Amino acid sequence: MNNLIVKLLFLLFAFNMSYSQPWMTNLDIAQNLAITQNKMVLMVWEESTKYPYGVLAKDDTGKTVFIESLFESEILSPLIWEHFVPVIVSEYKYADLYEDIKDKRSQKYIDKFNDDSIKIMDVNGNILNVSSDPENFQNITTIINDYAINTEFMAPELIGYNSKKDFYSAYYLASKYLDFSMYMKDDIRSELVDLGIIYLNEATELIATEPTDDQQALTQRIALLDLQQYLILKRPKKVLRQLKKMDAESIETTNASFVAFLYYTVYKILNDETNAALWESKISSVNLKKAQLLINLNS
């Protein structure tokens, strides 16, 4: 995708064929458009448009060039619209948006939310590129290469959560983000995992506010999915330690297959074929394929 982006960028400039499309100014509408287009939202605060917002990009020789204005550039506009839904958010929205994340996010996340840098958000307004720490000028080519994500893989879960936020929609979206991260490059895998954990934490909160008869089983399921993140992050020994701390008799019937999946995957990653074989027959063909992805990831 890097070469395509670079060539498009500079061919448009060279032949003066680019066009400038205004950025959106309504976050809700931008998020709805992103759902239909399977894109991420590229968001900036309105205050950042009040001064020249210079950015960097790379040409086809690998040379970094400077573009004086992100918001006025006819070169960048079609590229940004091709890969994201860009939106400028009014400062008046700050208080409401901050209230939604106050005491629920890390300080690093809050700092990213507050600054004037480009924020890549999912369709529910959660920031993906929290770890990015731009210098004086952000590189648009890098942002496109890293975060121009087609979210079709998660479309049903994104739509489900957007339509009705409850335990199941939050949990299934968290699970899908973790699965999706396994297919992504190392640079952003951990950020997608963190995004999934945001929804997993929401699912935890929703258990408390929406108590059910199977509350214990759901709480346990959350704990097991939380462990799965460490397989993605290549920390299998941590998963094994936590699994061994669980009382086998306390495992809910509905979660037995999940436990088997985790044990099998961990032992395979650790090259313990004897113990892995004890769990293999208890795993579905779907989870065997997922296990293989995790094994490959850790090899």
Foldseek 3Di string as FASTA:
>chain_A
DLLVLQVLLVVCVVVVVFAADAAAADLLVQLVVCLVQQAWEKEFEPVLQVDFAKAWEAHNVRDIDIDGHPRPDSSCRVVCVVQHRYYYYYPVCVVVVCVVCVPPDDPLQVVVVPDGDIFTGHSVRRTQPSVDDDDSHYYPSVCSVQGSDRRPQCSVLVVVCVVPPALVSLLVSLLSLLLVLLPHDPVRSVSSNVVSVSSLVVSVVRCVVPPDPCSVQSVVVSVLSVLVSCLLVQNLVVSVVVLVPDDPVSHDPVCPQSSLLSQLLSCVLVVNVVSNVVSVVSYDPVSVVSSVSSSVSND
